[in-house]
Amino acid sequence: MKIIKPLYLNDKNLISYLLIPFTIFTTLINLSKNFLIKKKYKIKTICVGNIYIGGTGKTSLCIQINKILKNKFKTVFIKKRYLDQLDERKMLRTHGKLISNENRGISLNKAEAKKFNLAILDDGLQDKRIDYDISIACFNSTYGIGNGYLLPAGPLREKLEILKKYSAIFLIGEKKNIKLSSILKKFNNKIFYSNYVPINLKNFDRKKKYLYFCGIGNPEEFDNTLNKYKFKISRKFIFPDHYNYTNEDLYKIKKIALKDKLEIITTEKDYERLTNKNRKNIKYLKIELEIENLKKFSNFLKENIWKK
């Protein structure tokens, strides 16, 4: 039941080398976007995205940015509508207003019509039709840049040089990656750091043994958090990102947990994808992003939002 990422995404090996010629297509697509006409919107825009495929903590950072700025601005989240990302839209709605459409430009027009004055976009760095006031590229401290190659030879959507054009870099994860920081600083030295902090630990008896399951972009980070806070993990089941659980999946998980006398824990994103019936006897660990030097990051946002 465990899904393992292809090794060539993280390491330079024969498969990644064989796929290098095909990165020309990614390069050409990226180059073609340079000819798009950027539109500047009246509403202020902060885009939180990534150039690494998979989970980098974008949604969690968007929520924290909203907390910082919602008393100064009338904020709204913008999230492109993908059928498999209902969980992230639900999370955003619990923390503020959300406008979701297949076209980000249409969403921004709606936000302006509704008199919002700050849009926080969850994803969208590769949408070159929008002239963002602030653009933030997120990286996960565990995965970093993988093997450093473009798709399909590696996990990068754009070359690292693009980081020079973004306002800042955000490293998210339990373990600070000094090597990754030194690589990224060559392209942009405006780097912020953060990690995940559980806010509902009182709901769990950590003397008991647990089974966890998740279908997120970065399951290792959830594993790291559980280990950091001394959860006794006996079994784990890892599914693809944004996985839609079936009744059979949950039946099997609960059957194993009952047999081995284990408590069941999952992530908030995964819990949002469960039916009310399947949520029975399952708890989720609610986490928040704890930003290192929060005051410095707050000042960065407030100063840069008015620059353009």
Protein backbone atom coordinates (compact mmCIF):
# COMPACT_ATOMS: atom_id res chain seq x y z
CA MET A 1 0.00 0.00 0.00
CA LYS A 2 3.04 2.28 0.32
CA ILE A 3 3.74 4.51 -2.67
CA ILE A 4 7.43 5.24 -3.23
CA LYS A 5 8.57 8.23 -5.27
CA PRO A 6 10.72 7.35 -8.28
CA LEU A 7 14.34 7.44 -7.14
CA TYR A 8 15.47 9.39 -10.18
CA LEU A 9 13.60 12.44 -8.87
CA ASN A 10 15.97 12.69 -5.93
CA ASP A 11 19.17 11.16 -7.27
CA LYS A 12 21.25 11.45 -10.41
CA ASN A 13 21.20 7.99 -11.93
CA LEU A 14 20.85 6.21 -15.26
CA ILE A 15 17.12 6.90 -15.58
CA SER A 16 17.50 10.62 -14.89
CA TYR A 17 20.40 10.86 -17.36
CA LEU A 18 18.37 9.11 -20.07
CA LEU A 19 15.51 11.55 -19.53
CA ILE A 20 17.65 14.71 -19.74
CA PRO A 21 17.05 15.19 -23.51
CA PHE A 22 13.31 15.38 -22.83
CA THR A 23 13.77 18.36 -20.49
CA ILE A 24 13.99 20.45 -23.66
CA PHE A 25 10.18 20.37 -23.77
CA THR A 26 9.95 21.84 -20.24
CA THR A 27 12.52 24.46 -21.19
CA LEU A 28 10.61 25.43 -24.35
CA ILE A 29 7.32 25.69 -22.46
CA ASN A 30 8.95 27.94 -19.87
CA LEU A 31 10.55 30.09 -22.57
CA SER A 32 7.24 30.50 -24.37
CA LYS A 33 5.71 31.92 -21.19
CA ASN A 34 8.14 34.85 -21.38
CA PHE A 35 6.15 36.16 -24.34
CA LEU A 36 2.91 36.31 -22.37
CA ILE A 37 1.64 39.77 -21.49
CA LYS A 38 1.56 40.23 -17.73
CA LYS A 39 -1.48 41.90 -16.22
CA LYS A 40 -1.26 44.10 -13.16
CA TYR A 41 -4.41 43.95 -11.05
CA LYS A 42 -5.72 46.70 -8.79
CA ILE A 43 -5.96 44.22 -5.93
CA LYS A 44 -2.65 43.51 -4.19
CA THR A 45 -1.39 39.99 -4.83
CA ILE A 46 0.84 37.57 -2.94
CA CYS A 47 1.57 34.30 -4.74
CA VAL A 48 2.85 31.34 -2.73
CA GLY A 49 4.05 28.60 -5.05
CA ASN A 50 6.90 26.23 -5.79
CA ILE A 51 9.15 25.00 -8.57
CA TYR A 52 9.42 21.51 -7.03
CA ILE A 53 6.61 19.05 -7.77
CA GLY A 54 4.91 17.70 -4.68
CA GLY A 55 4.19 18.98 -1.20
CA THR A 56 6.14 22.02 -0.06
CA GLY A 57 3.70 23.55 2.44
CA LYS A 58 2.16 26.25 0.24
CA THR A 59 -1.31 26.07 1.78
CA SER A 60 0.00 26.26 5.35
CA LEU A 61 2.07 29.34 4.48
CA CYS A 62 -0.92 31.01 2.80
CA ILE A 63 -2.90 30.54 6.02
CA GLN A 64 -0.13 32.12 8.09
CA ILE A 65 0.21 35.07 5.70
CA ASN A 66 -3.53 35.64 6.04
CA LYS A 67 -3.20 35.67 9.84
CA ILE A 68 -0.46 38.28 9.61
CA LEU A 69 -2.26 40.62 7.21
CA LYS A 70 -6.00 40.14 7.72
CA ASN A 71 -6.21 43.01 10.22
CA LYS A 72 -4.57 45.39 7.74
CA PHE A 73 -6.33 44.25 4.56
CA LYS A 74 -9.59 42.73 3.39
CA THR A 75 -8.04 39.42 2.35
CA VAL A 76 -9.19 36.59 0.13
CA PHE A 77 -7.60 33.28 -0.85
CA ILE A 78 -7.35 32.43 -4.55
CA LYS A 79 -7.02 28.76 -5.48
CA LYS A 80 -7.21 27.36 -9.00
CA ARG A 81 -9.94 24.75 -9.15
CA TYR A 82 -8.52 21.27 -9.54
CA LEU A 83 -10.85 18.31 -9.03
CA ASP A 84 -8.34 16.48 -6.81
CA GLN A 85 -7.59 19.39 -4.44
CA LEU A 86 -10.90 19.77 -2.61
CA ASP A 87 -9.10 19.14 0.70
CA GLU A 88 -6.91 22.24 0.32
CA ARG A 89 -9.88 24.41 -0.64
CA LYS A 90 -11.73 23.22 2.47
CA MET A 91 -8.74 24.10 4.65
CA LEU A 92 -8.50 27.59 3.17
CA ARG A 93 -12.23 28.19 3.69
CA THR A 94 -11.85 27.47 7.41
CA HIS A 95 -9.38 30.37 7.67
CA GLY A 96 -10.94 33.00 5.41
CA LYS A 97 -12.80 33.77 2.21
CA LEU A 98 -11.96 31.73 -0.88
CA ILE A 99 -12.55 32.30 -4.59
CA SER A 100 -11.82 29.31 -6.80
CA ASN A 101 -12.00 29.11 -10.58
CA GLU A 102 -10.22 27.30 -13.41
CA ASN A 103 -8.73 30.70 -14.35
CA ARG A 104 -6.85 32.75 -11.75
CA GLY A 105 -7.48 35.95 -13.68
CA ILE A 106 -11.23 35.46 -13.44
CA SER A 107 -10.86 34.82 -9.69
CA LEU A 108 -8.90 38.06 -9.26
CA ASN A 109 -11.55 40.00 -11.20
CA LYS A 110 -14.22 38.58 -8.90
CA ALA A 111 -12.12 39.51 -5.86
CA GLU A 112 -11.86 43.11 -7.08
CA ALA A 113 -15.61 43.23 -7.74
CA LYS A 114 -16.24 42.09 -4.17
CA LYS A 115 -14.00 44.89 -2.85
CA PHE A 116 -11.20 42.69 -1.48
CA ASN A 117 -7.86 44.52 -1.51
CA LEU A 118 -5.41 41.64 -0.96
CA ALA A 119 -5.42 38.26 -2.71
CA ILE A 120 -3.29 35.41 -1.37
CA LEU A 121 -2.80 32.87 -4.15
CA ASP A 122 -2.17 29.26 -3.21
CA ASP A 123 0.02 28.18 -6.15
CA GLY A 124 0.50 30.06 -9.41
CA LEU A 125 4.19 30.95 -9.81
CA GLN A 126 4.15 29.35 -13.26
CA ASP A 127 1.17 31.50 -14.29
CA LYS A 128 3.19 34.23 -16.02
CA ARG A 129 0.11 36.21 -17.08
CA ILE A 130 -0.16 37.78 -13.62
CA ASP A 131 2.17 40.49 -12.31
CA TYR A 132 2.33 39.58 -8.61
CA ASP A 133 3.25 42.14 -5.96
CA ILE A 134 5.00 39.44 -3.92
CA SER A 135 6.07 36.00 -5.16
CA ILE A 136 7.31 33.34 -2.73
CA ALA A 137 8.84 30.01 -3.76
CA CYS A 138 8.47 27.23 -1.18
CA PHE A 139 10.82 24.31 -0.69
CA ASN A 140 10.61 21.39 1.67
CA SER A 141 13.72 20.91 3.79
CA THR A 142 13.67 17.14 3.30
CA TYR A 143 13.27 16.96 -0.49
CA GLY A 144 15.10 20.18 -1.35
CA ILE A 145 15.67 20.37 -5.10
CA GLY A 146 15.90 16.61 -5.65
CA ASN A 147 18.47 15.83 -8.33
CA GLY A 148 18.28 19.40 -9.61
CA TYR A 149 16.99 18.49 -13.06
CA LEU A 150 13.91 19.79 -14.86
CA LEU A 151 10.91 17.57 -15.53
CA PRO A 152 10.82 14.76 -16.55
CA ALA A 153 14.44 13.98 -15.58
CA GLY A 154 13.95 15.58 -12.18
CA PRO A 155 11.34 17.24 -9.96
CA LEU A 156 11.80 20.88 -11.00
CA ARG A 157 9.21 22.81 -13.01
CA GLU A 158 11.64 25.67 -13.65
CA LYS A 159 15.41 26.15 -13.49
CA LEU A 160 16.81 27.45 -10.22
CA GLU A 161 17.80 30.70 -11.96
CA ILE A 162 14.13 31.70 -11.89
CA LEU A 163 14.46 32.22 -8.12
CA LYS A 164 16.25 35.51 -8.87
CA LYS A 165 12.93 36.87 -10.14
CA TYR A 166 10.92 35.89 -7.06
CA SER A 167 10.57 38.04 -3.95
CA ALA A 168 11.68 35.41 -1.45
CA ILE A 169 12.26 31.73 -0.71
CA PHE A 170 10.59 29.83 2.10
CA LEU A 171 12.10 26.64 3.55
CA ILE A 172 9.55 24.51 5.39
CA GLY A 173 10.28 21.42 7.45
CA GLU A 174 11.28 19.90 10.76
CA LYS A 175 14.96 19.73 9.84
CA LYS A 176 16.90 22.80 8.71
CA ASN A 177 18.84 21.89 5.57
CA ILE A 178 22.04 23.95 5.58
CA LYS A 179 23.26 22.51 2.28
CA LEU A 180 19.98 23.40 0.57
CA SER A 181 20.09 26.93 2.00
CA SER A 182 23.59 27.51 0.62
CA ILE A 183 22.50 26.35 -2.86
CA LEU A 184 19.38 28.54 -2.92
CA LYS A 185 21.22 31.61 -1.60
CA LYS A 186 23.23 31.67 -4.84
CA PHE A 187 20.02 32.70 -6.59
CA ASN A 188 18.12 34.59 -3.89
CA ASN A 189 19.41 35.43 -0.40
CA LYS A 190 15.99 36.44 0.94
CA ILE A 191 15.25 33.14 2.71
CA PHE A 192 12.83 32.45 5.57
CA TYR A 193 12.51 29.29 7.65
CA SER A 194 9.66 27.50 9.39
CA ASN A 195 8.55 24.16 10.80
CA TYR A 196 5.32 22.40 11.69
CA VAL A 197 3.88 22.61 15.21
CA PRO A 198 0.90 20.50 16.39
CA ILE A 199 -1.79 22.53 18.16
CA ASN A 200 -4.08 19.71 19.37
CA LEU A 201 -1.67 17.35 21.16
CA LYS A 202 -3.99 17.28 24.18
CA ASN A 203 -6.40 15.16 22.09
CA PHE A 204 -3.91 12.28 21.97
CA ASP A 205 -2.63 9.77 24.52
CA ARG A 206 0.96 9.33 23.37
CA LYS A 207 1.44 6.37 25.70
CA LYS A 208 -0.69 4.36 23.27
CA LYS A 209 0.49 2.88 19.98
CA TYR A 210 -0.65 4.36 16.68
CA LEU A 211 -1.30 3.53 13.06
CA TYR A 212 -1.12 6.45 10.66
CA PHE A 213 -2.20 6.86 7.06
CA CYS A 214 -1.81 9.81 4.72
CA GLY A 215 -2.01 10.82 1.07
CA ILE A 216 -0.04 14.05 0.92
CA GLY A 217 2.80 15.42 -1.19
CA ASN A 218 5.38 15.00 1.55
CA PRO A 219 4.55 12.07 3.86
CA GLU A 220 8.06 12.10 5.32
CA GLU A 221 7.34 15.47 6.94
CA PHE A 222 4.28 14.07 8.73
CA ASP A 223 6.39 11.11 9.86
CA ASN A 224 9.07 13.50 11.16
CA THR A 225 6.49 15.50 13.11
CA LEU A 226 5.00 12.39 14.72
CA ASN A 227 8.46 11.18 15.73
CA LYS A 228 9.45 14.59 17.07
CA TYR A 229 6.43 14.63 19.39
CA LYS A 230 7.01 11.05 20.60
CA PHE A 231 4.10 9.25 18.96
CA LYS A 232 4.61 5.48 19.06
CA ILE A 233 4.01 4.49 15.44
CA SER A 234 3.55 0.76 14.83
CA ARG A 235 2.01 0.79 11.35
CA LYS A 236 1.89 3.30 8.48
CA PHE A 237 0.04 3.42 5.17
CA ILE A 238 1.07 5.98 2.55
CA PHE A 239 -1.12 6.82 -0.44
CA PRO A 240 -0.64 9.15 -3.45
CA ASP A 241 -1.10 12.90 -2.96
CA HIS A 242 -4.76 14.02 -2.81
CA TYR A 243 -5.87 10.38 -2.72
CA ASN A 244 -9.62 9.76 -2.56
CA TYR A 245 -10.13 7.02 0.02
CA THR A 246 -12.63 4.26 -0.64
CA ASN A 247 -14.76 2.52 1.96
CA GLU A 248 -12.62 -0.57 1.37
CA ASP A 249 -9.41 1.37 2.16
CA LEU A 250 -10.78 2.56 5.48
CA TYR A 251 -12.24 -0.84 6.32
CA LYS A 252 -8.82 -2.47 5.88
CA ILE A 253 -7.06 0.24 7.93
CA LYS A 254 -9.57 0.00 10.78
CA LYS A 255 -9.47 -3.80 10.73
CA ILE A 256 -5.68 -3.80 11.13
CA ALA A 257 -5.85 -1.15 13.87
CA LEU A 258 -8.46 -3.15 15.77
CA LYS A 259 -6.49 -6.40 15.44
CA ASP A 260 -3.23 -4.78 16.64
CA LYS A 261 -4.95 -2.56 19.24
CA LEU A 262 -3.76 0.66 17.62
CA GLU A 263 -5.17 4.19 17.61
CA ILE A 264 -5.59 5.74 14.15
CA ILE A 265 -4.15 9.15 13.27
CA THR A 266 -3.95 11.07 9.99
CA THR A 267 -3.39 14.61 8.68
CA GLU A 268 -6.01 17.35 8.55
CA LYS A 269 -5.92 17.26 4.73
CA ASP A 270 -6.62 13.54 4.69
CA TYR A 271 -9.36 13.84 7.30
CA GLU A 272 -11.12 16.42 5.09
CA ARG A 273 -11.29 13.82 2.30
CA LEU A 274 -13.11 11.24 4.44
CA THR A 275 -16.86 10.78 4.59
CA ASN A 276 -18.51 11.39 7.96
CA LYS A 277 -19.08 7.66 8.28
CA ASN A 278 -15.41 6.82 7.68
CA ARG A 279 -14.20 9.47 10.14
CA LYS A 280 -15.39 7.36 13.07
CA ASN A 281 -12.50 6.34 15.38
CA ILE A 282 -10.01 8.44 13.39
CA LYS A 283 -8.30 11.55 14.74
CA TYR A 284 -6.22 14.06 12.84
CA LEU A 285 -3.16 15.98 13.97
CA LYS A 286 -3.85 19.67 13.45
CA ILE A 287 -0.62 21.51 12.68
CA GLU A 288 0.35 25.10 12.08
CA LEU A 289 3.39 26.60 10.47
CA GLU A 290 5.69 28.23 12.99
CA ILE A 291 7.72 30.91 11.22
CA GLU A 292 11.23 31.60 12.45
CA ASN A 293 11.68 35.32 13.09
CA LEU A 294 8.01 36.09 12.50
CA LYS A 295 8.50 39.83 12.96
CA LYS A 296 11.09 39.96 10.17
CA PHE A 297 8.77 38.09 7.81
CA SER A 298 5.81 40.31 8.74
CA ASN A 299 7.86 43.42 7.99
CA PHE A 300 8.97 41.91 4.67
CA LEU A 301 5.34 41.37 3.63
CA LYS A 302 4.15 44.83 4.69
CA GLU A 303 7.09 46.62 3.07
CA ASN A 304 6.93 44.75 -0.23
CA ILE A 305 3.17 44.80 -0.68
CA TRP A 306 3.35 48.57 -1.31
CA LYS A 307 6.49 48.62 -3.46
CA LYS A 308 4.80 48.17 -6.85
